[in-house]
Amino acid sequence: MDTKEIRNDFPLAKKVIYLDSAATSLTPISVIEGVAEYYREYNANTGRGVHHLSQIAGAKYLAARRKIATLIGGKEEEIIFTQSATYAINTVAQGISFQPGDRIVTTNLEHHSNFLPWLRLRKLGVEVTVVKCDQTGHLELDDFQGAIDERTKLVAVTHVSNVLGTIAPIAKLSELCHEKGALLLVDGAQSVPHMSVDVKRLGCDFLCFSGHKMLGPTGTGVLWVREDLLSQLSPLVVGGGAIEDVSVDEYVLVPGYTGFEAGTPNIAGVIGLGRAVDYLNALGMEWVEEHEARLTEQLLTGLECIKRVKIVGEKGPAGRIGVVPFIVEGMHPHDVALLLDEAAGILVRSGHQCALPLMKELGRADGVVRVSLYLYNTQEEVEILLSTLDRALSRA
């Protein structure tokens, strides 16, 4: 696969060196055109009309659902569209009937979006237990073994750390959860865009991810729910489009995913997300993984050679994706990010990365500088980052 040809599909890739894809990925022209086509050619609601524009919109929307289900090895009946991974996680947190005395197990690796919804349940008398990772971001199954007991209703874990890039042992954790009768929710926001993910192999019960991190439009997210659990989950909101029957005294929701998608959905965004899946499939997730692995090894090796730079977490390329945090001794992470932007148009993320519990555990009060790679990045861009940083620090 020719990376130069890929970069032609991303207008912004020609203007900056974009190394912040863990926050939001760039958007290819085909996705932009898919969104524009909706508004230009068949701008209508789905499931609300029999006229031909509504039928076209509905068919495109359904096609996107099928594409996304296939990407993760699920069924279209198991896909619920949301506005973000955050919304998807909250749908589960508020949709399960938790009782006082129930236990939830999570970790200190989590993005706030997979941490705060569970902490909030403490107000209901739910116990929240936090398993801690080691300094490299790895989780030990033995720690979960001790934390999960007969009162544990759900375990919520990130598949890949948005700070350290480390991959959690989800399949083994799933076996442990189900042995003990607990459900497993996986935050796949950083895994689905970067690696092959199959819900059957993972063995999880819920998988949540965002469209804007996988080449899709902002305001799109996905909640995959194991089919037999849909009836045990209550929707976060109710209203038009999700109703089978209504009287002045009661209402009946449509069974399945439709009951969770009240209101007019982000039709254009979901269609665009379907186009993003087409793009990823055309490249192949195996190619995406291999490409990022090469760049990650180059980046890690180069950072190790620059004075005052210290990689945070795992220093090797194995068991991770292309998310690499580091600090520069004597400089605030924000200052490093500004330096790179002003010197060479290099865009990285700095600060706490929406993961304050982890930052506190790592002793990083100011946070870190995070470089996150994706399929449109090149070895040349990584080299420019390394040389720019080396030159700037040698003069400081």
Foldseek 3Di string as FASTA:
>chain_A
DDLVVVVVQFVCVVVFQEFALLVFNTAGPLLVVLLVCLVVPQVDFEPPDDDPSNVVLNVLLLLLLCLVCVQQAHHSLQKAKFQFLLLLLLQQLVFAPDAAQAEEEEELLDFLSQPVSVVVCVVRNYHYHYQYDPQQREGDVVSVLVVDALRYAEYEYEQARSARQFGYLQQVNLVSQVVSNYAYEYECQPPSQQARHYCVSSNHAWYKYGLRSNNFDHRIIIIGGDNVCQVNTAAPDAAPQQFPDDDPVDTDGDPTNSNNDHDGGPSSRSSSSSSSSVVCVVCDSVNFQVQQLVLQQLLLVLQVPAPQKDWGHDSDSPRGGQKTWIAGPPDQQVVLQVQCCVPGNYHWDFAASSSVSVCVVNVNHRGTTIGHDTSSHDNVSSVCSSVSVRVVVVVD
